[in-house]
Amino acid sequence: MFTIEHEFDATVVTLVGDNPTAEDVTITLFDDGARVEQLDARTGKVQALTLTTAQLRDLHAALDLPEGSYARDTKG
């Protein structure tokens, strides 16, 4: 299950944990990238990761590719 909320400067997607040990993941999408956050149940602190738009494009491409090393063609 997931939710989508449109805010003034971002879109927030929350991936709801599908079992009691899986914490929710919140992805906040901005014009220039995304911030991924998840509560670390062991420490009680939120862990965060920020991705640029180029990294998001690479991640999207990687979901459909086999194992290997790739470089995106930035010319086309």
PDB file of N, CA and C in Angstrom:
ATOM      1  N   MET A   1       0.840  -1.167   0.000  1.00  0.00           N
ATOM      2  CA  MET A   1       0.000   0.000   0.000  1.00  0.00           C
ATOM      3  C   MET A   1       0.886   1.231   0.000  1.00  0.00           C
ATOM      4  N   PHE A   2       0.409   2.302  -0.637  1.00  0.00           N
ATOM      5  CA  PHE A   2       1.145   3.555  -0.622  1.00  0.00           C
ATOM      6  C   PHE A   2       0.184   4.724  -0.692  1.00  0.00           C
ATOM      7  N   THR A   3       0.695   5.895  -0.298  1.00  0.00           N
ATOM      8  CA  THR A   3      -0.094   7.117  -0.397  1.00  0.00           C
ATOM      9  C   THR A   3       0.692   8.131  -1.210  1.00  0.00           C
ATOM     10  N   ILE A   4      -0.035   9.072  -1.838  1.00  0.00           N
ATOM     11  CA  ILE A   4       0.568  10.163  -2.579  1.00  0.00           C
ATOM     12  C   ILE A   4      -0.082  11.457  -2.110  1.00  0.00           C
ATOM     13  N   GLU A   5       0.751  12.425  -1.748  1.00  0.00           N
ATOM     14  CA  GLU A   5       0.254  13.733  -1.331  1.00  0.00           C
ATOM     15  C   GLU A   5       0.993  14.805  -2.121  1.00  0.00           C
ATOM     16  N   HIS A   6       0.263  15.747  -2.679  1.00  0.00           N
ATOM     17  CA  HIS A   6       0.868  16.863  -3.400  1.00  0.00           C
ATOM     18  C   HIS A   6       0.894  18.069  -2.473  1.00  0.00           C
ATOM     19  N   GLU A   7       2.097  18.539  -2.185  1.00  0.00           N
ATOM     20  CA  GLU A   7       2.278  19.711  -1.345  1.00  0.00           C
ATOM     21  C   GLU A   7       2.710  20.883  -2.216  1.00  0.00           C
ATOM     22  N   PHE A   8       2.900  22.037  -1.620  1.00  0.00           N
ATOM     23  CA  PHE A   8       3.247  23.248  -2.362  1.00  0.00           C
ATOM     24  C   PHE A   8       4.500  23.077  -3.220  1.00  0.00           C
ATOM     25  N   ASP A   9       5.568  22.546  -2.633  1.00  0.00           N
ATOM     26  CA  ASP A   9       6.846  22.468  -3.334  1.00  0.00           C
ATOM     27  C   ASP A   9       7.346  21.048  -3.571  1.00  0.00           C
ATOM     28  N   ALA A  10       6.511  20.044  -3.304  1.00  0.00           N
ATOM     29  CA  ALA A  10       6.970  18.663  -3.434  1.00  0.00           C
ATOM     30  C   ALA A  10       5.782  17.712  -3.516  1.00  0.00           C
ATOM     31  N   THR A  11       6.082  16.509  -3.994  1.00  0.00           N
ATOM     32  CA  THR A  11       5.136  15.399  -3.943  1.00  0.00           C
ATOM     33  C   THR A  11       5.696  14.389  -2.955  1.00  0.00           C
ATOM     34  N   VAL A  12       4.867  13.916  -2.045  1.00  0.00           N
ATOM     35  CA  VAL A  12       5.312  12.981  -1.017  1.00  0.00           C
ATOM     36  C   VAL A  12       4.629  11.632  -1.241  1.00  0.00           C
ATOM     37  N   VAL A  13       5.453  10.601  -1.434  1.00  0.00           N
ATOM     38  CA  VAL A  13       4.960   9.237  -1.587  1.00  0.00           C
ATOM     39  C   VAL A  13       5.383   8.464  -0.342  1.00  0.00           C
ATOM     40  N   THR A  14       4.431   7.809   0.298  1.00  0.00           N
ATOM     41  CA  THR A  14       4.739   6.986   1.462  1.00  0.00           C
ATOM     42  C   THR A  14       4.436   5.539   1.123  1.00  0.00           C
ATOM     43  N   LEU A  15       5.468   4.694   1.224  1.00  0.00           N
ATOM     44  CA  LEU A  15       5.319   3.256   1.025  1.00  0.00           C
ATOM     45  C   LEU A  15       5.087   2.643   2.400  1.00  0.00           C
ATOM     46  N   VAL A  16       3.906   2.148   2.622  1.00  0.00           N
ATOM     47  CA  VAL A  16       3.526   1.632   3.934  1.00  0.00           C
ATOM     48  C   VAL A  16       4.125   0.246   4.129  1.00  0.00           C
ATOM     49  N   GLY A  17       4.757   0.032   5.284  1.00  0.00           N
ATOM     50  CA  GLY A  17       5.349  -1.266   5.595  1.00  0.00           C
ATOM     51  C   GLY A  17       4.310  -2.367   5.501  1.00  0.00           C
ATOM     52  N   ASP A  18       4.671  -3.471   4.852  1.00  0.00           N
ATOM     53  CA  ASP A  18       3.703  -4.539   4.609  1.00  0.00           C
ATOM     54  C   ASP A  18       3.714  -5.630   5.669  1.00  0.00           C
ATOM     55  N   ASN A  19       4.526  -5.464   6.705  1.00  0.00           N
ATOM     56  CA  ASN A  19       4.491  -6.396   7.832  1.00  0.00           C
ATOM     57  C   ASN A  19       4.929  -5.644   9.092  1.00  0.00           C
ATOM     58  N   PRO A  20       4.737  -6.217  10.267  1.00  0.00           N
ATOM     59  CA  PRO A  20       5.013  -5.487  11.512  1.00  0.00           C
ATOM     60  C   PRO A  20       6.464  -5.035  11.674  1.00  0.00           C
ATOM     61  N   THR A  21       7.414  -5.679  10.999  1.00  0.00           N
ATOM     62  CA  THR A  21       8.815  -5.293  11.162  1.00  0.00           C
ATOM     63  C   THR A  21       9.297  -4.331  10.076  1.00  0.00           C
ATOM     64  N   ALA A  22       8.455  -4.040   9.085  1.00  0.00           N
ATOM     65  CA  ALA A  22       8.844  -3.143   7.996  1.00  0.00           C
ATOM     66  C   ALA A  22       8.346  -1.724   8.286  1.00  0.00           C
ATOM     67  N   GLU A  23       9.278  -0.802   8.452  1.00  0.00           N
ATOM     68  CA  GLU A  23       8.912   0.590   8.686  1.00  0.00           C
ATOM     69  C   GLU A  23       8.494   1.246   7.375  1.00  0.00           C
ATOM     70  N   ASP A  24       7.614   2.237   7.461  1.00  0.00           N
ATOM     71  CA  ASP A  24       7.202   2.992   6.283  1.00  0.00           C
ATOM     72  C   ASP A  24       8.405   3.707   5.669  1.00  0.00           C
ATOM     73  N   VAL A  25       8.384   3.900   4.358  1.00  0.00           N
ATOM     74  CA  VAL A  25       9.403   4.660   3.636  1.00  0.00           C
ATOM     75  C   VAL A  25       8.712   5.882   3.044  1.00  0.00           C
ATOM     76  N   THR A  26       9.281   7.058   3.288  1.00  0.00           N
ATOM     77  CA  THR A  26       8.734   8.294   2.739  1.00  0.00           C
ATOM     78  C   THR A  26       9.700   8.843   1.695  1.00  0.00           C
ATOM     79  N   ILE A  27       9.167   9.134   0.505  1.00  0.00           N
ATOM     80  CA  ILE A  27       9.960   9.693  -0.583  1.00  0.00           C
ATOM     81  C   ILE A  27       9.375  11.057  -0.914  1.00  0.00           C
ATOM     82  N   THR A  28      10.171  12.091  -0.721  1.00  0.00           N
ATOM     83  CA  THR A  28       9.735  13.446  -1.022  1.00  0.00           C
ATOM     84  C   THR A  28      10.417  13.878  -2.313  1.00  0.00           C
ATOM     85  N   LEU A  29       9.611  14.134  -3.344  1.00  0.00           N
ATOM     86  CA  LEU A  29      10.128  14.468  -4.667  1.00  0.00           C
ATOM     87  C   LEU A  29      10.077  15.972  -4.895  1.00  0.00           C
ATOM     88  N   PHE A  30      11.241  16.555  -5.204  1.00  0.00           N
ATOM     89  CA  PHE A  30      11.368  17.969  -5.501  1.00  0.00           C
ATOM     90  C   PHE A  30      11.741  18.127  -6.975  1.00  0.00           C
ATOM     91  N   ASP A  31      11.806  19.351  -7.470  1.00  0.00           N
ATOM     92  CA  ASP A  31      12.205  19.603  -8.853  1.00  0.00           C
ATOM     93  C   ASP A  31      13.627  19.117  -9.138  1.00  0.00           C
ATOM     94  N   ASP A  32      14.513  19.175  -8.149  1.00  0.00           N
ATOM     95  CA  ASP A  32      15.922  18.860  -8.374  1.00  0.00           C
ATOM     96  C   ASP A  32      16.381  17.541  -7.762  1.00  0.00           C
ATOM     97  N   GLY A  33      15.446  16.711  -7.302  1.00  0.00           N
ATOM     98  CA  GLY A  33      15.844  15.425  -6.742  1.00  0.00           C
ATOM     99  C   GLY A  33      14.800  14.860  -5.802  1.00  0.00           C
ATOM    100  N   ALA A  34      15.240  13.940  -4.946  1.00  0.00           N
ATOM    101  CA  ALA A  34      14.318  13.273  -4.021  1.00  0.00           C
ATOM    102  C   ALA A  34      15.022  12.970  -2.712  1.00  0.00           C
ATOM    103  N   ARG A  35      14.260  12.962  -1.645  1.00  0.00           N
ATOM    104  CA  ARG A  35      14.764  12.586  -0.329  1.00  0.00           C
ATOM    105  C   ARG A  35      13.989  11.353   0.113  1.00  0.00           C
ATOM    106  N   VAL A  36      14.731  10.303   0.487  1.00  0.00           N
ATOM    107  CA  VAL A  36      14.140   9.045   0.939  1.00  0.00           C
ATOM    108  C   VAL A  36      14.415   8.930   2.438  1.00  0.00           C
ATOM    109  N   GLU A  37      13.361   8.680   3.216  1.00  0.00           N
ATOM    110  CA  GLU A  37      13.508   8.594   4.667  1.00  0.00           C
ATOM    111  C   GLU A  37      12.817   7.343   5.209  1.00  0.00           C
ATOM    112  N   GLN A  38      13.432   6.774   6.253  1.00  0.00           N
ATOM    113  CA  GLN A  38      12.835   5.626   6.938  1.00  0.00           C
ATOM    114  C   GLN A  38      13.298   5.644   8.387  1.00  0.00           C
ATOM    115  N   LEU A  39      12.367   5.355   9.286  1.00  0.00           N
ATOM    116  CA  LEU A  39      12.696   5.270  10.703  1.00  0.00           C
ATOM    117  C   LEU A  39      13.538   4.024  10.956  1.00  0.00           C
ATOM    118  N   ASP A  40      14.634   4.195  11.679  1.00  0.00           N
ATOM    119  CA  ASP A  40      15.443   3.061  12.119  1.00  0.00           C
ATOM    120  C   ASP A  40      14.906   2.666  13.488  1.00  0.00           C
ATOM    121  N   ALA A  41      14.191   1.563  13.547  1.00  0.00           N
ATOM    122  CA  ALA A  41      13.535   1.138  14.785  1.00  0.00           C
ATOM    123  C   ALA A  41      14.540   0.857  15.900  1.00  0.00           C
ATOM    124  N   ARG A  42      15.764   0.479  15.534  1.00  0.00           N
ATOM    125  CA  ARG A  42      16.769   0.175  16.562  1.00  0.00           C
ATOM    126  C   ARG A  42      17.231   1.427  17.290  1.00  0.00           C
ATOM    127  N   THR A  43      17.377   2.534  16.564  1.00  0.00           N
ATOM    128  CA  THR A  43      17.883   3.768  17.174  1.00  0.00           C
ATOM    129  C   THR A  43      16.792   4.793  17.441  1.00  0.00           C
ATOM    130  N   GLY A  44      15.639   4.622  16.811  1.00  0.00           N
ATOM    131  CA  GLY A  44      14.566   5.603  16.950  1.00  0.00           C
ATOM    132  C   GLY A  44      14.797   6.858  16.133  1.00  0.00           C
ATOM    133  N   LYS A  45      15.812   6.841  15.260  1.00  0.00           N
ATOM    134  CA  LYS A  45      16.138   8.001  14.428  1.00  0.00           C
ATOM    135  C   LYS A  45      15.742   7.744  12.979  1.00  0.00           C
ATOM    136  N   VAL A  46      15.425   8.820  12.277  1.00  0.00           N
ATOM    137  CA  VAL A  46      15.096   8.718  10.861  1.00  0.00           C
ATOM    138  C   VAL A  46      16.388   8.734  10.056  1.00  0.00           C
ATOM    139  N   GLN A  47      16.537   7.759   9.179  1.00  0.00           N
ATOM    140  CA  GLN A  47      17.675   7.702   8.265  1.00  0.00           C
ATOM    141  C   GLN A  47      17.237   8.349   6.954  1.00  0.00           C
ATOM    142  N   ALA A  48      18.100   9.158   6.351  1.00  0.00           N
ATOM    143  CA  ALA A  48      17.727   9.880   5.138  1.00  0.00           C
ATOM    144  C   ALA A  48      18.783   9.725   4.058  1.00  0.00           C
ATOM    145  N   LEU A  49      18.321   9.775   2.828  1.00  0.00           N
ATOM    146  CA  LEU A  49      19.176   9.679   1.655  1.00  0.00           C
ATOM    147  C   LEU A  49      18.635  10.669   0.632  1.00  0.00           C
ATOM    148  N   THR A  50      19.514  11.477   0.021  1.00  0.00           N
ATOM    149  CA  THR A  50      19.096  12.430  -0.997  1.00  0.00           C
ATOM    150  C   THR A  50      19.675  12.016  -2.340  1.00  0.00           C
ATOM    151  N   LEU A  51      18.827  11.941  -3.361  1.00  0.00           N
ATOM    152  CA  LEU A  51      19.231  11.567  -4.718  1.00  0.00           C
ATOM    153  C   LEU A  51      19.002  12.747  -5.659  1.00  0.00           C
ATOM    154  N   THR A  52      19.936  12.981  -6.586  1.00  0.00           N
ATOM    155  CA  THR A  52      19.743  14.005  -7.604  1.00  0.00           C
ATOM    156  C   THR A  52      18.803  13.466  -8.679  1.00  0.00           C
ATOM    157  N   THR A  53      18.339  14.337  -9.558  1.00  0.00           N
ATOM    158  CA  THR A  53      17.475  13.876 -10.641  1.00  0.00           C
ATOM    159  C   THR A  53      18.221  12.913 -11.555  1.00  0.00           C
ATOM    160  N   ALA A  54      19.526  13.123 -11.775  1.00  0.00           N
ATOM    161  CA  ALA A  54      20.313  12.193 -12.597  1.00  0.00           C
ATOM    162  C   ALA A  54      20.381  10.813 -11.940  1.00  0.00           C
ATOM    163  N   GLN A  55      20.553  10.772 -10.631  1.00  0.00           N
ATOM    164  CA  GLN A  55      20.575   9.491  -9.921  1.00  0.00           C
ATOM    165  C   GLN A  55      19.212   8.810  -9.978  1.00  0.00           C
ATOM    166  N   LEU A  56      18.144   9.584  -9.925  1.00  0.00           N
ATOM    167  CA  LEU A  56      16.805   9.010 -10.053  1.00  0.00           C
ATOM    168  C   LEU A  56      16.585   8.414 -11.437  1.00  0.00           C
ATOM    169  N   ARG A  57      17.069   9.101 -12.485  1.00  0.00           N
ATOM    170  CA  ARG A  57      16.963   8.558 -13.845  1.00  0.00           C
ATOM    171  C   ARG A  57      17.751   7.257 -13.958  1.00  0.00           C
ATOM    172  N   ASP A  58      18.947   7.229 -13.366  1.00  0.00           N
ATOM    173  CA  ASP A  58      19.757   6.003 -13.397  1.00  0.00           C
ATOM    174  C   ASP A  58      19.052   4.862 -12.667  1.00  0.00           C
ATOM    175  N   LEU A  59      18.465   5.157 -11.527  1.00  0.00           N
ATOM    176  CA  LEU A  59      17.737   4.132 -10.775  1.00  0.00           C
ATOM    177  C   LEU A  59      16.572   3.606 -11.595  1.00  0.00           C
ATOM    178  N   HIS A  60      15.834   4.490 -12.220  1.00  0.00           N
ATOM    179  CA  HIS A  60      14.702   4.084 -13.059  1.00  0.00           C
ATOM    180  C   HIS A  60      15.179   3.174 -14.186  1.00  0.00           C
ATOM    181  N   ALA A  61      16.272   3.544 -14.854  1.00  0.00           N
ATOM    182  CA  ALA A  61      16.813   2.721 -15.938  1.00  0.00           C
ATOM    183  C   ALA A  61      17.303   1.372 -15.411  1.00  0.00           C
ATOM    184  N   ALA A  62      17.914   1.371 -14.230  1.00  0.00           N
ATOM    185  CA  ALA A  62      18.486   0.145 -13.669  1.00  0.00           C
ATOM    186  C   ALA A  62      17.436  -0.910 -13.359  1.00  0.00           C
ATOM    187  N   LEU A  63      16.218  -0.486 -13.097  1.00  0.00           N
ATOM    188  CA  LEU A  63      15.172  -1.451 -12.751  1.00  0.00           C
ATOM    189  C   LEU A  63      14.847  -2.401 -13.899  1.00  0.00           C
ATOM    190  N   ASP A  64      15.170  -2.012 -15.149  1.00  0.00           N
ATOM    191  CA  ASP A  64      14.841  -2.832 -16.316  1.00  0.00           C
ATOM    192  C   ASP A  64      16.066  -3.430 -17.017  1.00  0.00           C
ATOM    193  N   LEU A  65      17.230  -3.383 -16.376  1.00  0.00           N
ATOM    194  CA  LEU A  65      18.453  -3.859 -17.019  1.00  0.00           C
ATOM    195  C   LEU A  65      19.023  -5.076 -16.292  1.00  0.00           C
ATOM    196  N   PRO A  66      19.749  -5.914 -17.014  1.00  0.00           N
ATOM    197  CA  PRO A  66      20.403  -7.053 -16.361  1.00  0.00           C
ATOM    198  C   PRO A  66      21.646  -6.598 -15.599  1.00  0.00           C
ATOM    199  N   GLU A  67      22.234  -7.509 -14.857  1.00  0.00           N
ATOM    200  CA  GLU A  67      23.447  -7.249 -14.097  1.00  0.00           C
ATOM    201  C   GLU A  67      24.535  -6.700 -15.014  1.00  0.00           C
ATOM    202  N   GLY A  68      25.295  -5.714 -14.538  1.00  0.00           N
ATOM    203  CA  GLY A  68      26.381  -5.157 -15.336  1.00  0.00           C
ATOM    204  C   GLY A  68      26.698  -3.734 -14.908  1.00  0.00           C
ATOM    205  N   SER A  69      27.578  -3.085 -15.653  1.00  0.00           N
ATOM    206  CA  SER A  69      27.976  -1.709 -15.403  1.00  0.00           C
ATOM    207  C   SER A  69      27.536  -0.864 -16.588  1.00  0.00           C
ATOM    208  N   TYR A  70      26.939   0.281 -16.320  1.00  0.00           N
ATOM    209  CA  TYR A  70      26.362   1.087 -17.394  1.00  0.00           C
ATOM    210  C   TYR A  70      26.692   2.552 -17.201  1.00  0.00           C
ATOM    211  N   ALA A  71      26.704   3.297 -18.302  1.00  0.00           N
ATOM    212  CA  ALA A  71      26.812   4.760 -18.280  1.00  0.00           C
ATOM    213  C   ALA A  71      25.718   5.298 -19.186  1.00  0.00           C
ATOM    214  N   ARG A  72      25.023   6.322 -18.696  1.00  0.00           N
ATOM    215  CA  ARG A  72      23.946   6.905 -19.503  1.00  0.00           C
ATOM    216  C   ARG A  72      24.531   7.803 -20.576  1.00  0.00           C
ATOM    217  N   ASP A  73      23.916   7.792 -21.749  1.00  0.00           N
ATOM    218  CA  ASP A  73      24.305   8.682 -22.856  1.00  0.00           C
ATOM    219  C   ASP A  73      23.676  10.040 -22.610  1.00  0.00           C
ATOM    220  N   THR A  74      24.480  11.025 -22.252  1.00  0.00           N
ATOM    221  CA  THR A  74      23.956  12.351 -21.938  1.00  0.00           C
ATOM    222  C   THR A  74      23.867  13.258 -23.174  1.00  0.00           C
ATOM    223  N   LYS A  75      24.283  12.756 -24.328  1.00  0.00           N
ATOM    224  CA  LYS A  75      24.258  13.553 -25.549  1.00  0.00           C
ATOM    225  C   LYS A  75      22.883  13.556 -26.205  1.00  0.00           C
ATOM    226  N   GLY A  76      22.135  12.489 -26.027  1.00  0.00           N
ATOM    227  CA  GLY A  76      20.878  12.368 -26.735  1.00  0.00           C
ATOM    228  C   GLY A  76      19.747  12.463 -25.837  1.00  0.00           C
TER     229      GLY A  76
END
